[in-house]
Amino acid sequence: MMFESILKYAASAAPLVSAGAQFYAANEARRSANRQSKLIQEQASRDAAARQRQNRQLMAAQRARYGAAGVTLEGTPGLVLDETDQLAQQDISDLLYFGNANAKATKKQGQGAFYGGLASGIGSLAGYSENGKRNDLLGGFKNFAKLFGW
């Protein structure tokens, strides 16, 4: 009789344990996506800074070549330097824009996983399976109420 009692309470606790596991997994998915989002943003910033350094080096090399050749930076050489700088600035803007867009998408995926897991956990507490049908094997709220004496 004692063994049956233990099994009865274990069966009553199953929805709670299942919901707890789903809540934990949902929260971890969200936290993981947030960490990944930050890493994506940091990488985009590093890539943009590296591109800026490359641009400075390229422009310094261009100026040095023009100076060594005795060419002034007015007219066409100046235009070449301006175009080089504009193209680099566009590359930097693109790196930051797409990095931020990827970070936001990753964060939204994590939020979606969190809310999906939360709904699934609530559903298991209420006694519904993932396909939306009543799941009396877990017992749902009736067994949950019995377990806590409600």
N, C-alpha and C. Protein backbone atom coordinates (compact mmCIF):
# COMPACT_ATOMS: atom_id res chain seq x y z
N MET A 1 0.82 -1.19 0.00
CA MET A 1 0.00 0.00 0.00
C MET A 1 0.87 1.26 0.00
N MET A 2 1.97 1.22 0.70
CA MET A 2 2.85 2.39 0.75
C MET A 2 3.45 2.67 -0.64
N PHE A 3 3.80 1.60 -1.35
CA PHE A 3 4.36 1.75 -2.69
C PHE A 3 3.35 2.39 -3.63
N GLU A 4 2.09 1.99 -3.52
CA GLU A 4 1.04 2.59 -4.35
C GLU A 4 0.88 4.06 -4.04
N SER A 5 1.00 4.40 -2.78
CA SER A 5 0.89 5.80 -2.37
C SER A 5 2.02 6.63 -2.96
N ILE A 6 3.22 6.07 -2.94
CA ILE A 6 4.37 6.78 -3.51
C ILE A 6 4.17 6.98 -5.01
N LEU A 7 3.70 5.93 -5.69
CA LEU A 7 3.46 6.04 -7.13
C LEU A 7 2.36 7.06 -7.43
N LYS A 8 1.36 7.09 -6.57
CA LYS A 8 0.26 8.05 -6.77
C LYS A 8 0.78 9.48 -6.68
N TYR A 9 1.61 9.77 -5.68
CA TYR A 9 2.16 11.11 -5.55
C TYR A 9 3.17 11.42 -6.65
N ALA A 10 3.93 10.42 -7.07
CA ALA A 10 4.88 10.62 -8.16
C ALA A 10 4.13 10.95 -9.45
N ALA A 11 3.01 10.24 -9.69
CA ALA A 11 2.21 10.53 -10.88
C ALA A 11 1.59 11.91 -10.78
N SER A 12 1.22 12.31 -9.58
CA SER A 12 0.64 13.64 -9.40
C SER A 12 1.68 14.73 -9.62
N ALA A 13 2.92 14.43 -9.30
CA ALA A 13 3.99 15.43 -9.43
C ALA A 13 4.54 15.51 -10.85
N ALA A 14 4.23 14.53 -11.69
CA ALA A 14 4.80 14.49 -13.04
C ALA A 14 4.57 15.77 -13.83
N PRO A 15 3.36 16.34 -13.83
CA PRO A 15 3.18 17.59 -14.59
C PRO A 15 4.05 18.73 -14.07
N LEU A 16 4.22 18.78 -12.75
CA LEU A 16 5.05 19.82 -12.16
C LEU A 16 6.51 19.66 -12.58
N VAL A 17 7.00 18.44 -12.52
CA VAL A 17 8.38 18.17 -12.93
C VAL A 17 8.56 18.47 -14.41
N SER A 18 7.62 18.05 -15.22
CA SER A 18 7.69 18.31 -16.66
C SER A 18 7.67 19.81 -16.94
N ALA A 19 6.78 20.52 -16.29
CA ALA A 19 6.69 21.97 -16.50
C ALA A 19 7.98 22.65 -16.04
N GLY A 20 8.51 22.21 -14.91
CA GLY A 20 9.76 22.80 -14.42
C GLY A 20 10.89 22.61 -15.41
N ALA A 21 10.99 21.43 -15.98
CA ALA A 21 12.03 21.16 -16.97
C ALA A 21 11.82 22.01 -18.22
N GLN A 22 10.57 22.18 -18.63
CA GLN A 22 10.29 23.00 -19.81
C GLN A 22 10.58 24.47 -19.56
N PHE A 23 10.24 24.94 -18.36
CA PHE A 23 10.54 26.34 -18.01
C PHE A 23 12.06 26.56 -18.00
N TYR A 24 12.79 25.62 -17.42
CA TYR A 24 14.24 25.75 -17.36
C TYR A 24 14.84 25.75 -18.76
N ALA A 25 14.42 24.81 -19.60
CA ALA A 25 14.94 24.73 -20.97
C ALA A 25 14.60 26.00 -21.76
N ALA A 26 13.41 26.52 -21.57
CA ALA A 26 13.00 27.74 -22.27
C ALA A 26 13.86 28.92 -21.84
N ASN A 27 14.11 29.04 -20.55
CA ASN A 27 14.93 30.13 -20.05
C ASN A 27 16.37 30.00 -20.53
N GLU A 28 16.90 28.80 -20.54
CA GLU A 28 18.26 28.59 -21.03
C GLU A 28 18.38 28.91 -22.52
N ALA A 29 17.36 28.57 -23.29
CA ALA A 29 17.37 28.89 -24.72
C ALA A 29 17.40 30.41 -24.92
N ARG A 30 16.63 31.11 -24.12
CA ARG A 30 16.61 32.58 -24.21
C ARG A 30 17.96 33.18 -23.80
N ARG A 31 18.51 32.69 -22.70
CA ARG A 31 19.80 33.20 -22.23
C ARG A 31 20.92 32.91 -23.23
N SER A 32 20.88 31.72 -23.81
CA SER A 32 21.88 31.36 -24.81
C SER A 32 21.78 32.27 -26.04
N ALA A 33 20.57 32.53 -26.48
CA ALA A 33 20.37 33.42 -27.64
C ALA A 33 20.83 34.84 -27.31
N ASN A 34 20.61 35.30 -26.10
CA ASN A 34 21.07 36.63 -25.71
C ASN A 34 22.60 36.70 -25.72
N ARG A 35 23.25 35.64 -25.21
CA ARG A 35 24.72 35.60 -25.23
C ARG A 35 25.22 35.59 -26.67
N GLN A 36 24.60 34.78 -27.50
CA GLN A 36 25.00 34.70 -28.91
C GLN A 36 24.80 36.04 -29.60
N SER A 37 23.71 36.72 -29.28
CA SER A 37 23.43 38.03 -29.86
C SER A 37 24.54 39.02 -29.51
N LYS A 38 24.96 39.02 -28.26
CA LYS A 38 26.04 39.93 -27.84
C LYS A 38 27.34 39.59 -28.56
N LEU A 39 27.62 38.30 -28.72
CA LEU A 39 28.84 37.90 -29.44
C LEU A 39 28.80 38.35 -30.90
N ILE A 40 27.64 38.26 -31.52
CA ILE A 40 27.50 38.70 -32.91
C ILE A 40 27.76 40.20 -33.01
N GLN A 41 27.19 40.97 -32.07
CA GLN A 41 27.41 42.43 -32.09
C GLN A 41 28.88 42.77 -31.86
N GLU A 42 29.51 42.07 -30.92
CA GLU A 42 30.92 42.33 -30.64
C GLU A 42 31.78 42.00 -31.86
N GLN A 43 31.47 40.90 -32.54
CA GLN A 43 32.23 40.53 -33.73
C GLN A 43 32.04 41.56 -34.84
N ALA A 44 30.83 42.05 -35.00
CA ALA A 44 30.58 43.08 -36.01
C ALA A 44 31.37 44.35 -35.69
N SER A 45 31.44 44.71 -34.43
CA SER A 45 32.23 45.89 -34.03
C SER A 45 33.72 45.68 -34.29
N ARG A 46 34.21 44.48 -33.97
CA ARG A 46 35.62 44.19 -34.24
C ARG A 46 35.92 44.22 -35.74
N ASP A 47 35.02 43.65 -36.54
CA ASP A 47 35.21 43.66 -38.00
C ASP A 47 35.20 45.08 -38.54
N ALA A 48 34.30 45.92 -38.01
CA ALA A 48 34.23 47.32 -38.46
C ALA A 48 35.50 48.07 -38.07
N ALA A 49 36.00 47.82 -36.87
CA ALA A 49 37.24 48.49 -36.43
C ALA A 49 38.42 48.03 -37.28
N ALA A 50 38.47 46.75 -37.62
CA ALA A 50 39.55 46.24 -38.47
C ALA A 50 39.47 46.87 -39.86
N ARG A 51 38.27 47.02 -40.38
CA ARG A 51 38.09 47.64 -41.70
C ARG A 51 38.51 49.10 -41.65
N GLN A 52 38.25 49.77 -40.54
CA GLN A 52 38.66 51.18 -40.39
C GLN A 52 40.19 51.28 -40.38
N ARG A 53 40.84 50.36 -39.67
CA ARG A 53 42.31 50.36 -39.65
C ARG A 53 42.88 50.10 -41.06
N GLN A 54 42.28 49.17 -41.78
CA GLN A 54 42.73 48.89 -43.15
C GLN A 54 42.58 50.13 -44.02
N ASN A 55 41.47 50.83 -43.83
CA ASN A 55 41.23 52.04 -44.62
C ASN A 55 42.29 53.10 -44.34
N ARG A 56 42.60 53.29 -43.06
CA ARG A 56 43.61 54.29 -42.71
C ARG A 56 44.97 53.92 -43.33
N GLN A 57 45.31 52.63 -43.24
CA GLN A 57 46.59 52.18 -43.81
C GLN A 57 46.63 52.38 -45.32
N LEU A 58 45.53 52.03 -45.99
CA LEU A 58 45.45 52.18 -47.44
C LEU A 58 45.57 53.65 -47.83
N MET A 59 44.86 54.51 -47.14
CA MET A 59 44.91 55.95 -47.47
C MET A 59 46.30 56.53 -47.19
N ALA A 60 46.94 56.07 -46.12
CA ALA A 60 48.30 56.55 -45.83
C ALA A 60 49.27 56.09 -46.93
N ALA A 61 49.09 54.85 -47.39
CA ALA A 61 49.94 54.35 -48.46
C ALA A 61 49.69 55.12 -49.75
N GLN A 62 48.43 55.44 -50.03
CA GLN A 62 48.12 56.22 -51.24
C GLN A 62 48.76 57.61 -51.17
N ARG A 63 48.63 58.25 -50.02
CA ARG A 63 49.23 59.59 -49.86
C ARG A 63 50.76 59.53 -50.03
N ALA A 64 51.36 58.48 -49.43
CA ALA A 64 52.81 58.34 -49.53
C ALA A 64 53.25 58.14 -50.98
N ARG A 65 52.51 57.34 -51.73
CA ARG A 65 52.86 57.10 -53.14
C ARG A 65 52.72 58.39 -53.96
N TYR A 66 51.62 59.10 -53.70
CA TYR A 66 51.44 60.37 -54.42
C TYR A 66 52.56 61.35 -54.06
N GLY A 67 52.88 61.42 -52.77
CA GLY A 67 53.95 62.34 -52.32
C GLY A 67 55.30 61.95 -52.91
N ALA A 68 55.61 60.65 -52.95
CA ALA A 68 56.89 60.19 -53.50
C ALA A 68 56.98 60.48 -54.99
N ALA A 69 55.84 60.49 -55.66
CA ALA A 69 55.83 60.78 -57.09
C ALA A 69 55.77 62.28 -57.37
N GLY A 70 55.67 63.07 -56.31
CA GLY A 70 55.62 64.52 -56.49
C GLY A 70 54.26 65.03 -56.93
N VAL A 71 53.22 64.24 -56.70
CA VAL A 71 51.87 64.62 -57.12
C VAL A 71 51.16 65.27 -55.93
N THR A 72 50.49 66.40 -56.18
CA THR A 72 49.71 67.04 -55.11
C THR A 72 48.38 66.30 -54.97
N LEU A 73 47.73 66.50 -53.84
CA LEU A 73 46.47 65.80 -53.56
C LEU A 73 45.25 66.56 -54.06
N GLU A 74 45.47 67.52 -54.92
CA GLU A 74 44.35 68.26 -55.51
C GLU A 74 43.93 67.57 -56.80
N GLY A 75 42.67 67.70 -57.13
CA GLY A 75 42.17 67.12 -58.38
C GLY A 75 41.95 65.62 -58.26
N THR A 76 42.38 64.89 -59.27
CA THR A 76 42.12 63.44 -59.33
C THR A 76 42.68 62.68 -58.13
N PRO A 77 43.91 62.90 -57.68
CA PRO A 77 44.40 62.16 -56.51
C PRO A 77 43.53 62.38 -55.27
N GLY A 78 43.07 63.60 -55.09
CA GLY A 78 42.19 63.89 -53.96
C GLY A 78 40.86 63.15 -54.09
N LEU A 79 40.36 63.10 -55.31
CA LEU A 79 39.11 62.39 -55.56
C LEU A 79 39.27 60.88 -55.30
N VAL A 80 40.42 60.34 -55.68
CA VAL A 80 40.69 58.92 -55.43
C VAL A 80 40.70 58.66 -53.92
N LEU A 81 41.36 59.52 -53.16
CA LEU A 81 41.38 59.36 -51.70
C LEU A 81 39.97 59.47 -51.11
N ASP A 82 39.20 60.43 -51.58
CA ASP A 82 37.83 60.60 -51.08
C ASP A 82 36.98 59.36 -51.39
N GLU A 83 37.12 58.84 -52.61
CA GLU A 83 36.35 57.66 -52.98
C GLU A 83 36.76 56.44 -52.15
N THR A 84 38.04 56.30 -51.93
CA THR A 84 38.53 55.20 -51.09
C THR A 84 37.92 55.28 -49.70
N ASP A 85 37.90 56.49 -49.14
CA ASP A 85 37.34 56.68 -47.81
C ASP A 85 35.83 56.42 -47.79
N GLN A 86 35.12 56.90 -48.81
CA GLN A 86 33.66 56.69 -48.87
C GLN A 86 33.31 55.20 -48.99
N LEU A 87 34.06 54.48 -49.81
CA LEU A 87 33.80 53.04 -49.95
C LEU A 87 34.07 52.30 -48.64
N ALA A 88 35.13 52.69 -47.97
CA ALA A 88 35.44 52.05 -46.68
C ALA A 88 34.37 52.36 -45.64
N GLN A 89 33.90 53.60 -45.62
CA GLN A 89 32.85 53.97 -44.66
C GLN A 89 31.56 53.20 -44.94
N GLN A 90 31.25 52.97 -46.21
CA GLN A 90 30.07 52.18 -46.56
C GLN A 90 30.25 50.74 -46.11
N ASP A 91 31.44 50.19 -46.29
CA ASP A 91 31.73 48.82 -45.81
C ASP A 91 31.54 48.73 -44.31
N ILE A 92 32.03 49.72 -43.60
CA ILE A 92 31.92 49.74 -42.14
C ILE A 92 30.45 49.82 -41.72
N SER A 93 29.70 50.69 -42.38
CA SER A 93 28.27 50.81 -42.08
C SER A 93 27.55 49.49 -42.34
N ASP A 94 27.89 48.83 -43.44
CA ASP A 94 27.27 47.55 -43.77
C ASP A 94 27.60 46.49 -42.72
N LEU A 95 28.86 46.44 -42.32
CA LEU A 95 29.26 45.46 -41.29
C LEU A 95 28.46 45.65 -40.00
N LEU A 96 28.33 46.89 -39.57
CA LEU A 96 27.59 47.17 -38.34
C LEU A 96 26.10 46.90 -38.51
N TYR A 97 25.54 47.30 -39.65
CA TYR A 97 24.12 47.12 -39.88
C TYR A 97 23.75 45.63 -39.90
N PHE A 98 24.48 44.85 -40.70
CA PHE A 98 24.15 43.43 -40.81
C PHE A 98 24.49 42.67 -39.53
N GLY A 99 25.53 43.10 -38.82
CA GLY A 99 25.84 42.49 -37.53
C GLY A 99 24.72 42.72 -36.53
N ASN A 100 24.22 43.94 -36.48
CA ASN A 100 23.12 44.25 -35.57
C ASN A 100 21.84 43.52 -35.98
N ALA A 101 21.59 43.43 -37.29
CA ALA A 101 20.39 42.72 -37.76
C ALA A 101 20.47 41.24 -37.39
N ASN A 102 21.63 40.62 -37.56
CA ASN A 102 21.79 39.22 -37.17
C ASN A 102 21.64 39.04 -35.67
N ALA A 103 22.17 39.97 -34.90
CA ALA A 103 22.06 39.89 -33.45
C ALA A 103 20.60 39.99 -33.01
N LYS A 104 19.85 40.90 -33.62
CA LYS A 104 18.43 41.05 -33.28
C LYS A 104 17.65 39.79 -33.65
N ALA A 105 17.95 39.22 -34.81
CA ALA A 105 17.24 38.00 -35.24
C ALA A 105 17.54 36.85 -34.28
N THR A 106 18.78 36.74 -33.85
CA THR A 106 19.15 35.69 -32.91
C THR A 106 18.42 35.88 -31.58
N LYS A 107 18.36 37.12 -31.14
CA LYS A 107 17.67 37.41 -29.88
C LYS A 107 16.18 37.09 -29.98
N LYS A 108 15.57 37.41 -31.11
CA LYS A 108 14.15 37.12 -31.31
C LYS A 108 13.89 35.62 -31.35
N GLN A 109 14.81 34.86 -31.93
CA GLN A 109 14.67 33.40 -31.93
C GLN A 109 14.68 32.88 -30.50
N GLY A 110 15.55 33.43 -29.69
CA GLY A 110 15.61 33.03 -28.28
C GLY A 110 14.33 33.38 -27.54
N GLN A 111 13.79 34.55 -27.83
CA GLN A 111 12.54 34.94 -27.20
C GLN A 111 11.40 34.03 -27.64
N GLY A 112 11.40 33.65 -28.91
CA GLY A 112 10.38 32.73 -29.41
C GLY A 112 10.48 31.37 -28.74
N ALA A 113 11.70 30.89 -28.58
CA ALA A 113 11.91 29.60 -27.89
C ALA A 113 11.46 29.71 -26.43
N PHE A 114 11.73 30.85 -25.81
CA PHE A 114 11.32 31.04 -24.42
C PHE A 114 9.80 31.00 -24.27
N TYR A 115 9.11 31.76 -25.11
CA TYR A 115 7.65 31.80 -25.00
C TYR A 115 7.01 30.47 -25.40
N GLY A 116 7.60 29.79 -26.37
CA GLY A 116 7.11 28.47 -26.74
C GLY A 116 7.28 27.48 -25.61
N GLY A 117 8.44 27.50 -24.97
CA GLY A 117 8.67 26.61 -23.82
C GLY A 117 7.79 26.96 -22.64
N LEU A 118 7.57 28.24 -22.44
CA LEU A 118 6.69 28.68 -21.36
C LEU A 118 5.27 28.18 -21.59
N ALA A 119 4.78 28.32 -22.80
CA ALA A 119 3.43 27.84 -23.13
C ALA A 119 3.35 26.33 -22.99
N SER A 120 4.38 25.64 -23.40
CA SER A 120 4.40 24.18 -23.29
C SER A 120 4.39 23.76 -21.82
N GLY A 121 5.17 24.46 -21.01
CA GLY A 121 5.19 24.14 -19.58
C GLY A 121 3.85 24.40 -18.91
N ILE A 122 3.22 25.49 -19.26
CA ILE A 122 1.88 25.79 -18.72
C ILE A 122 0.89 24.75 -19.19
N GLY A 123 1.04 24.34 -20.45
CA GLY A 123 0.16 23.31 -20.98
C GLY A 123 0.32 21.99 -20.26
N SER A 124 1.54 21.64 -19.90
CA SER A 124 1.72 20.37 -19.19
C SER A 124 1.18 20.47 -17.77
N LEU A 125 1.25 21.65 -17.17
CA LEU A 125 0.63 21.82 -15.85
C LEU A 125 -0.89 21.70 -15.94
N ALA A 126 -1.43 22.21 -17.03
CA ALA A 126 -2.87 22.15 -17.22
C ALA A 126 -3.33 20.77 -17.71
N GLY A 127 -2.37 19.94 -18.09
CA GLY A 127 -2.72 18.58 -18.52
C GLY A 127 -2.90 18.43 -20.00
N TYR A 128 -2.29 19.32 -20.79
CA TYR A 128 -2.39 19.21 -22.24
C TYR A 128 -1.04 18.84 -22.82
N SER A 129 -1.06 18.02 -23.84
CA SER A 129 0.18 17.63 -24.49
C SER A 129 0.53 18.66 -25.55
N GLU A 130 1.66 18.48 -26.21
CA GLU A 130 2.11 19.45 -27.21
C GLU A 130 1.18 19.55 -28.40
N ASN A 131 0.41 18.51 -28.69
CA ASN A 131 -0.50 18.57 -29.83
C ASN A 131 -1.84 19.20 -29.47
N GLY A 132 -1.97 19.69 -28.22
CA GLY A 132 -3.17 20.40 -27.82
C GLY A 132 -4.28 19.53 -27.29
N LYS A 133 -4.07 18.23 -27.19
CA LYS A 133 -5.11 17.34 -26.69
C LYS A 133 -4.90 17.08 -25.20
N ARG A 134 -5.98 16.77 -24.54
CA ARG A 134 -5.94 16.48 -23.11
C ARG A 134 -5.06 15.27 -22.87
N ASN A 135 -4.17 15.38 -21.91
CA ASN A 135 -3.23 14.30 -21.62
C ASN A 135 -3.48 13.82 -20.20
N ASP A 136 -4.34 12.82 -20.07
CA ASP A 136 -4.67 12.33 -18.74
C ASP A 136 -3.61 11.42 -18.16
N LEU A 137 -2.61 11.05 -18.95
CA LEU A 137 -1.52 10.25 -18.40
C LEU A 137 -0.73 11.05 -17.38
N LEU A 138 -0.55 12.34 -17.64
CA LEU A 138 0.16 13.18 -16.68
C LEU A 138 -0.77 13.66 -15.56
N GLY A 139 -2.02 13.66 -15.81
CA GLY A 139 -2.96 14.03 -14.77
C GLY A 139 -3.39 15.46 -14.76
N GLY A 140 -2.60 16.33 -15.30
CA GLY A 140 -2.96 17.72 -15.40
C GLY A 140 -3.22 18.39 -14.07
N PHE A 141 -4.07 19.38 -14.07
CA PHE A 141 -4.31 20.19 -12.89
C PHE A 141 -4.95 19.39 -11.76
N LYS A 142 -5.76 18.39 -12.09
CA LYS A 142 -6.41 17.59 -11.05
C LYS A 142 -5.37 16.91 -10.17
N ASN A 143 -4.39 16.28 -10.79
CA ASN A 143 -3.35 15.63 -10.01
C ASN A 143 -2.47 16.64 -9.31
N PHE A 144 -2.22 17.77 -9.94
CA PHE A 144 -1.43 18.84 -9.34
C PHE A 144 -2.15 19.34 -8.08
N ALA A 145 -3.47 19.50 -8.19
CA ALA A 145 -4.25 19.95 -7.05
C ALA A 145 -4.25 18.91 -5.94
N LYS A 146 -4.35 17.64 -6.30
CA LYS A 146 -4.31 16.58 -5.30
C LYS A 146 -2.97 16.59 -4.56
N LEU A 147 -1.89 16.77 -5.29
CA LEU A 147 -0.57 16.74 -4.71
C LEU A 147 -0.41 17.81 -3.62
N PHE A 148 -0.96 18.96 -3.87
CA PHE A 148 -0.84 20.05 -2.91
C PHE A 148 -2.08 20.24 -2.03
N GLY A 149 -3.05 19.35 -2.18
CA GLY A 149 -4.22 19.38 -1.32
C GLY A 149 -5.16 20.54 -1.59
N TRP A 150 -5.31 20.96 -2.81
CA TRP A 150 -6.20 22.08 -3.13
C TRP A 150 -7.61 21.58 -3.32
